[in-house]
Protein backbone atom coordinates (compact mmCIF):
# COMPACT_ATOMS: atom_id res chain seq x y z
CA VAL A 1 6.63 -133.87 -165.87
CA PRO A 2 6.67 -134.99 -169.51
CA VAL A 3 4.99 -132.46 -171.83
CA PHE A 4 3.73 -133.88 -175.11
CA TRP A 5 3.76 -131.30 -177.86
CA HIS A 6 0.58 -132.23 -179.74
CA ILE A 7 0.87 -131.10 -183.35
CA PRO A 8 -2.52 -131.48 -185.11
CA LYS A 9 -2.66 -134.07 -187.91
CA ALA A 10 0.72 -135.52 -186.99
CA GLY A 11 -0.38 -138.68 -185.18
CA GLY A 12 -0.68 -137.06 -181.74
CA SER A 13 -4.13 -138.50 -181.00
CA THR A 14 -2.70 -141.97 -181.39
CA ILE A 15 0.09 -141.14 -178.96
CA LYS A 16 -2.51 -139.86 -176.46
CA ASP A 17 -4.56 -143.04 -176.86
CA ILE A 18 -1.48 -145.16 -176.18
CA MET A 19 -0.48 -143.13 -173.15
CA GLY A 20 -3.98 -143.28 -171.64
CA THR A 21 -5.39 -146.62 -172.76
CA CYS A 22 -2.35 -148.83 -173.00
CA HIS A 23 0.02 -147.30 -170.39
CA ARG A 24 -2.75 -145.95 -168.13
CA LEU A 25 -0.97 -142.66 -167.64
CA CYS A 26 -2.88 -139.85 -165.96
CA MET A 27 -2.88 -137.02 -168.47
CA ALA A 28 -3.68 -133.36 -168.43
CA ALA A 29 -5.57 -132.90 -171.74
CA GLU A 30 -8.89 -131.69 -173.11
CA SER A 31 -10.72 -134.78 -171.83
CA GLY A 32 -10.04 -133.74 -168.21
CA ILE A 33 -12.92 -131.25 -168.26
CA TYR A 34 -15.54 -133.65 -169.68
CA GLU A 35 -18.48 -134.56 -167.49
CA ASN A 36 -18.66 -131.00 -166.02
CA HIS A 37 -15.16 -131.12 -164.47
CA ASP A 38 -14.51 -127.64 -165.94
CA LYS A 39 -16.42 -126.32 -162.93
CA ASP A 40 -14.19 -128.03 -160.31
CA THR A 41 -12.38 -125.64 -158.03
CA ASP A 42 -9.73 -128.06 -156.76
CA ILE A 43 -7.22 -129.93 -158.88
CA LYS A 44 -7.74 -133.71 -158.80
CA ILE A 45 -7.68 -136.89 -160.86
CA VAL A 46 -10.99 -137.83 -162.46
CA GLY A 47 -12.07 -140.96 -164.34
CA ILE A 48 -13.50 -140.15 -167.76
CA GLY A 49 -15.36 -142.62 -169.95
CA GLY A 50 -15.46 -146.34 -169.47
CA GLY A 51 -18.51 -148.38 -168.85
CA LYS A 52 -19.85 -151.64 -167.59
CA ILE A 53 -21.57 -152.44 -170.89
CA ASP A 54 -18.37 -152.61 -172.97
CA GLY A 55 -16.14 -153.64 -170.09
CA THR A 56 -13.74 -150.70 -170.23
CA ASP A 57 -12.28 -148.81 -167.31
CA ALA A 58 -12.43 -145.07 -166.97
CA THR A 59 -9.26 -143.29 -168.13
CA PRO A 60 -7.59 -141.12 -165.51
CA PHE A 61 -7.21 -137.42 -166.32
CA VAL A 62 -6.37 -134.34 -164.32
CA ASN A 63 -9.43 -132.03 -164.32
CA VAL A 64 -7.91 -129.33 -166.50
CA ASP A 65 -7.78 -128.65 -170.25
CA SER A 66 -4.17 -128.05 -171.22
CA THR A 67 -5.02 -127.80 -174.94
CA THR A 68 -6.31 -124.22 -174.82
CA ILE A 69 -4.78 -120.97 -173.62
CA GLU A 70 -7.69 -120.46 -171.18
CA GLY A 71 -7.27 -124.01 -169.96
CA LEU A 72 -3.53 -123.50 -169.35
CA GLU A 73 -4.30 -120.35 -167.38
CA ARG A 74 -6.82 -122.24 -165.26
CA ALA A 75 -4.33 -125.13 -164.82
CA LYS A 76 -1.69 -122.70 -163.61
CA SER A 77 -4.11 -121.08 -161.13
CA MET A 78 -4.99 -124.56 -159.81
CA GLY A 79 -1.33 -125.51 -159.42
CA LEU A 80 -1.00 -128.23 -162.01
CA GLY A 81 2.77 -128.04 -162.32
CA SER A 82 3.46 -128.44 -158.58
CA SER A 83 0.57 -130.87 -157.93
CA GLU A 84 2.52 -133.88 -159.32
CA LEU A 85 -0.81 -135.43 -160.36
CA ALA A 86 -0.19 -135.62 -164.11
CA ASP A 87 2.05 -138.33 -165.59
CA ALA A 88 1.99 -136.31 -168.82
CA ILE A 89 0.70 -132.91 -169.96
CA VAL A 90 -0.63 -132.65 -173.54
CA THR A 91 -0.62 -129.25 -175.27
CA PRO A 92 -0.04 -127.59 -178.59
CA TYR A 93 0.98 -124.39 -176.72
CA ILE A 94 4.45 -125.22 -175.48
CA PHE A 95 5.48 -121.63 -174.74
CA ASP A 96 2.34 -120.92 -172.68
CA ALA A 97 2.68 -124.26 -170.90
CA ASN A 98 6.05 -123.15 -169.59
CA ALA A 99 4.22 -120.97 -167.04
CA LEU A 100 2.99 -124.14 -165.29
CA PHE A 101 6.44 -124.96 -164.01
CA ASP A 102 8.94 -123.56 -161.55
CA LYS A 103 12.55 -124.31 -160.53
CA THR A 104 11.59 -127.41 -158.52
CA HIS A 105 8.81 -128.69 -160.80
CA LYS A 106 10.14 -128.80 -164.34
CA GLY A 107 8.58 -129.93 -167.60
CA ARG A 108 10.32 -132.08 -170.21
CA LEU A 109 9.14 -131.69 -173.79
CA PHE A 110 8.66 -134.61 -176.11
C-alpha cells in the first residue's frame, strides 16, 4: 500500500486532492471519520462529501483517521493494513504507521 508522508505546509493537501478528486483513489486520511464514521466498529469504504446541488460525487475514504496517533492505533485494531481497502494511506507519523503492516501486507513510502 502506498503511504504518503504528509509534511504540513509542503503541498501535501494538493497531493491529497489530486489523489482523491482526480484519480479517485480510496484514501485512509482524516476525512474518513467525517459524518460520524469515527464510531464505526468495522473497517469499510465510505463516501464523504459530494452533493447533487453542485454535481460532485462523494470521495471514497476508509473510515479511519491515519493522521493522528490515536487514529493509527484504531486503524491497526481494525486491520487497515491487511484489509486491502486503501489505495493510499496518508499520515505525518511514518514510524507509527509502520505498525499497520506485516510481512505479507507492506507499505511503500512516498
